[in-house]
Amino acid sequence: MTRHARRLLCALALCVSAPAIADPAPLPPHRAEYLLTRDGLPVADMVMDLGLTPDGGYVYRAETRPHKAVELMRSLSQDIGAGARLEELSSGRIVAGRFRPDQYRHRRDNDDRRTLTIGFDWTTGRAAISSADQPWTMKVPPDAQDKLAVLLALRADLAAGRGDLSYRVADGGRLKTYRYRKEGTDETAAAGASWATVQLTRTKDEGAIDYRLWLAPALAYLPVRVERTENGSHYRMELTAIDPAAKPQAQ
């Protein structure tokens, strides 16, 4: 066998045996902590944690626990229904630089009837949904998101400079369109620093604005503040800490 033939065979063998290279992640892994308030009073603490796997997978988790003041009131009133822990989990893969969910779960302690799971089957273009032991399926487009992964999609699109910030989201057992609109820039204090932020508003379908968000480009567009007004009460979610290993310099 000639030297040229041996080199060609070696090159072919490497092509066959080399593992597939995962798409690069559009966002870095991180752990962020938030304080949730209602009309200025603390009600809950939240942790949002993004993990990435070497094979191009992701796991995104949001866990909300009652604030210690709420826990005290709960223990005094012995109301086991108040202040339950909430957990959302989205897992999937990064495909062509975008987050594609495979599984979603929303679970509330002490209330199994409010546990919801969604499994996305991208080969058939359908999502299998189970809530309170009542399963059903629905058709989903190739770029559909779940209620948690849509935040990753928004952040990745902002980081990439994409202009269209609308998403089809499996929400409440049907598809809804989330639309985000840039409203300007601001300097926002959070986690002991001041951050240059981009302000956005969100609407669902053709409804009114339901959320206002302040995202920090220096933190890969991580939310540093989120606000909502509902039933006469003002709710705020504010960043209190971020994993030091992933924390860049504040502005």
Protein backbone atom coordinates (compact mmCIF):
# COMPACT_ATOMS: atom_id res chain seq x y z
CA MET A 1 0.00 0.00 0.00
CA THR A 2 1.36 3.42 -0.92
CA ARG A 3 1.93 6.17 1.63
CA HIS A 4 -0.83 8.26 0.01
CA ALA A 5 -3.34 5.40 0.30
CA ARG A 6 -2.47 4.83 3.98
CA ARG A 7 -3.04 8.53 4.74
CA LEU A 8 -6.38 8.45 2.97
CA LEU A 9 -7.51 5.38 4.93
CA CYS A 10 -6.46 7.00 8.23
CA ALA A 11 -8.39 10.14 7.38
CA LEU A 12 -11.50 8.12 6.55
CA ALA A 13 -11.20 6.18 9.82
CA LEU A 14 -11.02 9.41 11.79
CA CYS A 15 -14.13 10.72 10.08
CA VAL A 16 -16.03 7.57 11.00
CA SER A 17 -14.82 7.19 14.58
CA ALA A 18 -14.70 10.83 15.72
CA PRO A 19 -17.65 11.80 17.97
CA ALA A 20 -20.11 14.39 16.72
CA ILE A 21 -19.22 17.91 17.82
CA ALA A 22 -22.02 19.57 19.77
CA ASP A 23 -23.31 22.94 18.65
CA PRO A 24 -21.75 25.77 20.67
CA ALA A 25 -23.97 27.01 23.49
CA PRO A 26 -25.39 30.49 22.85
CA LEU A 27 -25.41 31.22 26.60
CA PRO A 28 -22.96 30.30 29.40
CA PRO A 29 -24.00 28.08 32.33
CA HIS A 30 -24.94 30.06 35.42
CA ARG A 31 -26.83 30.15 38.70
CA ALA A 32 -28.79 33.29 39.59
CA GLU A 33 -30.72 34.11 42.76
CA TYR A 34 -33.70 36.45 43.01
CA LEU A 35 -35.97 38.04 45.61
CA LEU A 36 -39.67 38.21 44.80
CA THR A 37 -41.73 40.97 46.39
CA ARG A 38 -45.39 41.91 46.40
CA ASP A 39 -46.15 45.58 46.96
CA GLY A 40 -42.64 45.95 48.36
CA LEU A 41 -42.87 43.05 50.83
CA PRO A 42 -40.75 39.89 50.36
CA VAL A 43 -42.76 36.78 49.52
CA ALA A 44 -40.34 34.29 47.95
CA ASP A 45 -36.78 33.47 46.94
CA MET A 46 -36.02 32.07 43.49
CA VAL A 47 -33.02 30.27 42.01
CA MET A 48 -32.59 29.93 38.23
CA ASP A 49 -29.89 27.47 37.18
CA LEU A 50 -28.70 26.73 33.62
CA GLY A 51 -26.55 23.64 33.14
CA LEU A 52 -24.96 22.46 29.89
CA THR A 53 -23.78 18.97 28.92
CA PRO A 54 -20.81 18.08 26.66
CA ASP A 55 -23.09 16.45 24.09
CA GLY A 56 -25.05 19.64 23.44
CA GLY A 57 -27.82 19.25 25.99
CA TYR A 58 -29.15 21.74 28.50
CA VAL A 59 -31.09 21.66 31.77
CA TYR A 60 -32.76 24.86 32.97
CA ARG A 61 -34.35 24.93 36.41
CA ALA A 62 -36.30 27.58 38.30
CA GLU A 63 -37.12 26.88 41.93
CA THR A 64 -39.20 29.21 44.08
CA ARG A 65 -39.38 28.86 47.85
CA PRO A 66 -41.33 30.96 50.36
CA HIS A 67 -39.32 33.78 51.93
CA LYS A 68 -38.44 33.19 55.58
CA ALA A 69 -41.03 35.78 56.67
CA VAL A 70 -43.72 33.87 54.77
CA GLU A 71 -42.51 30.60 56.27
CA LEU A 72 -42.94 32.10 59.74
CA MET A 73 -46.48 33.22 59.01
CA ARG A 74 -47.20 29.79 57.52
CA SER A 75 -45.98 28.02 60.66
CA LEU A 76 -48.03 30.31 62.89
CA SER A 77 -51.20 29.88 60.85
CA GLN A 78 -50.58 26.16 60.15
CA ASP A 79 -51.84 26.75 56.62
CA ILE A 80 -50.20 23.90 54.73
CA GLY A 81 -51.49 25.26 51.43
CA ALA A 82 -49.69 28.59 51.71
CA GLY A 83 -46.18 29.22 50.48
CA ALA A 84 -45.73 25.96 48.60
CA ARG A 85 -42.47 25.37 46.71
CA LEU A 86 -42.70 25.74 42.94
CA GLU A 87 -40.33 24.10 40.48
CA GLU A 88 -40.06 24.45 36.72
CA LEU A 89 -37.67 22.33 34.70
CA SER A 90 -36.87 22.45 31.00
CA SER A 91 -34.41 20.08 29.35
CA GLY A 92 -33.45 19.59 25.74
CA ARG A 93 -30.73 20.19 23.19
CA ILE A 94 -28.98 23.06 21.46
CA VAL A 95 -29.63 22.79 17.73
CA ALA A 96 -28.18 25.26 15.23
CA GLY A 97 -27.39 27.68 18.02
CA ARG A 98 -30.90 27.61 19.48
CA PHE A 99 -32.46 25.98 22.52
CA ARG A 100 -34.90 23.19 21.62
CA PRO A 101 -36.86 21.73 24.56
CA ASP A 102 -37.57 18.02 24.84
CA GLN A 103 -39.17 17.89 28.29
CA TYR A 104 -40.89 20.46 30.52
CA ARG A 105 -42.28 20.07 34.04
CA HIS A 106 -44.09 22.44 36.37
CA ARG A 107 -44.61 21.10 39.86
CA ARG A 108 -46.15 22.58 43.00
CA ASP A 109 -45.63 20.93 46.36
CA ASN A 110 -48.73 19.82 48.26
CA ASP A 111 -50.90 19.96 45.15
CA ASP A 112 -50.47 17.09 42.66
CA ARG A 113 -53.37 18.44 40.62
CA ARG A 114 -51.15 21.36 39.57
CA THR A 115 -48.27 19.26 38.26
CA LEU A 116 -47.93 19.59 34.49
CA THR A 117 -45.51 17.83 32.13
CA ILE A 118 -44.88 18.30 28.42
CA GLY A 119 -42.90 15.98 26.16
CA PHE A 120 -41.95 17.32 22.71
CA ASP A 121 -41.69 14.80 19.86
CA TRP A 122 -39.90 16.66 17.09
CA THR A 123 -40.12 13.77 14.64
CA THR A 124 -43.93 13.98 14.62
CA GLY A 125 -44.24 17.68 15.50
CA ARG A 126 -46.48 17.00 18.48
CA ALA A 127 -46.34 17.64 22.21
CA ALA A 128 -47.74 15.20 24.79
CA ILE A 129 -49.17 17.04 27.80
CA SER A 130 -50.22 15.59 31.15
CA SER A 131 -51.95 17.58 33.88
CA ALA A 132 -53.93 16.13 36.79
CA ASP A 133 -53.74 12.70 35.11
CA GLN A 134 -55.48 14.05 32.02
CA PRO A 135 -53.17 13.48 29.03
CA TRP A 136 -53.64 15.01 25.59
CA THR A 137 -51.52 15.99 22.60
CA MET A 138 -51.27 19.00 20.33
CA LYS A 139 -49.40 19.96 17.20
CA VAL A 140 -46.37 22.23 17.66
CA PRO A 141 -44.21 24.11 15.12
CA PRO A 142 -40.50 23.24 14.77
CA ASP A 143 -39.44 26.31 16.78
CA ALA A 144 -41.90 25.95 19.67
CA GLN A 145 -40.71 26.69 23.20
CA ASP A 146 -41.95 25.87 26.68
CA LYS A 147 -42.71 28.55 29.29
CA LEU A 148 -39.21 28.37 30.79
CA ALA A 149 -37.02 27.78 27.73
CA VAL A 150 -38.57 30.82 26.02
CA LEU A 151 -36.44 33.00 28.30
CA LEU A 152 -33.31 31.25 27.01
CA ALA A 153 -34.51 31.73 23.43
CA LEU A 154 -35.10 35.43 24.06
CA ARG A 155 -31.67 35.93 25.63
CA ALA A 156 -29.89 34.02 22.86
CA ASP A 157 -31.67 36.04 20.17
CA LEU A 158 -30.78 39.33 21.86
CA ALA A 159 -27.15 38.25 22.16
CA ALA A 160 -27.12 37.31 18.45
CA GLY A 161 -28.70 40.62 17.44
CA ARG A 162 -31.82 39.02 15.97
CA GLY A 163 -34.69 41.42 15.42
CA ASP A 164 -37.75 39.15 15.68
CA LEU A 165 -38.50 38.54 19.35
CA SER A 166 -41.75 36.59 19.02
CA TYR A 167 -42.10 32.95 20.06
CA ARG A 168 -44.69 30.17 19.90
CA VAL A 169 -44.98 28.74 23.40
CA ALA A 170 -46.76 25.69 24.81
CA ASP A 171 -48.65 27.45 27.60
CA GLY A 172 -51.66 26.22 29.50
CA GLY A 173 -52.30 23.30 27.18
CA ARG A 174 -52.31 25.35 23.96
CA LEU A 175 -49.96 27.38 21.81
CA LYS A 176 -49.64 31.07 22.57
CA THR A 177 -47.52 33.76 20.95
CA TYR A 178 -45.19 35.66 23.27
CA ARG A 179 -44.03 38.98 21.83
CA TYR A 180 -41.19 41.00 23.34
CA ARG A 181 -40.58 44.62 22.44
CA LYS A 182 -37.56 46.77 23.23
CA GLU A 183 -38.53 49.94 25.10
CA GLY A 184 -35.12 51.52 25.75
CA THR A 185 -32.10 51.27 28.03
CA ASP A 186 -31.50 51.96 31.69
CA GLU A 187 -29.05 51.67 34.58
CA THR A 188 -30.45 49.13 37.01
CA ALA A 189 -29.15 48.40 40.51
CA ALA A 190 -29.12 44.71 41.44
CA ALA A 191 -26.89 42.21 43.24
CA GLY A 192 -24.78 44.98 44.75
CA ALA A 193 -23.89 46.61 41.42
CA SER A 194 -25.27 48.86 38.70
CA TRP A 195 -25.94 47.22 35.35
CA ALA A 196 -26.57 48.68 31.93
CA THR A 197 -29.87 47.06 30.94
CA VAL A 198 -32.21 46.74 27.99
CA GLN A 199 -35.87 47.28 28.87
CA LEU A 200 -38.50 45.07 27.25
CA THR A 201 -42.22 44.50 27.53
CA ARG A 202 -44.05 41.23 26.91
CA THR A 203 -47.50 40.47 25.58
CA LYS A 204 -49.33 37.17 25.01
CA ASP A 205 -51.24 36.75 21.77
CA GLU A 206 -53.11 40.03 21.26
CA GLY A 207 -53.36 40.89 24.95
CA ALA A 208 -52.05 43.84 26.92
CA ILE A 209 -48.54 44.11 28.36
CA ASP A 210 -48.22 41.63 31.22
CA TYR A 211 -44.49 41.79 32.07
CA ARG A 212 -41.69 44.37 32.02
CA LEU A 213 -38.12 43.08 31.97
CA TRP A 214 -34.67 44.59 32.47
CA LEU A 215 -31.93 42.40 30.93
CA ALA A 216 -28.19 42.99 31.34
CA PRO A 217 -26.04 42.50 28.18
CA ALA A 218 -22.94 42.11 30.41
CA LEU A 219 -24.62 39.05 31.96
CA ALA A 220 -25.59 37.48 28.61
CA TYR A 221 -28.95 39.27 28.89
CA LEU A 222 -29.79 37.72 32.26
CA PRO A 223 -32.87 39.34 33.82
CA VAL A 224 -31.89 41.64 36.68
CA ARG A 225 -35.44 42.85 37.25
CA VAL A 226 -38.90 41.67 36.17
CA GLU A 227 -42.14 43.45 37.10
CA ARG A 228 -45.83 42.66 36.79
CA THR A 229 -49.06 44.26 38.03
CA GLU A 230 -51.96 41.91 38.69
CA ASN A 231 -55.24 42.35 40.57
CA GLY A 232 -54.08 45.67 41.99
CA SER A 233 -50.79 44.30 43.37
CA HIS A 234 -47.30 45.08 42.07
CA TYR A 235 -44.89 42.14 41.83
CA ARG A 236 -41.12 42.45 41.34
CA MET A 237 -38.38 39.86 40.81
CA GLU A 238 -34.91 41.29 41.45
CA LEU A 239 -31.48 39.71 41.05
CA THR A 240 -29.68 39.35 44.39
CA ALA A 241 -26.71 37.11 43.49
CA ILE A 242 -25.07 35.34 40.58
CA ASP A 243 -22.57 32.47 40.56
CA PRO A 244 -19.19 34.21 41.05
CA ALA A 245 -17.54 31.82 38.62
CA ALA A 246 -19.73 33.11 35.81
CA LYS A 247 -20.01 36.75 36.91
CA PRO A 248 -18.43 39.35 34.61
CA GLN A 249 -17.64 42.92 35.61
CA ALA A 250 -20.55 45.26 36.28
CA GLN A 251 -20.88 48.41 34.21
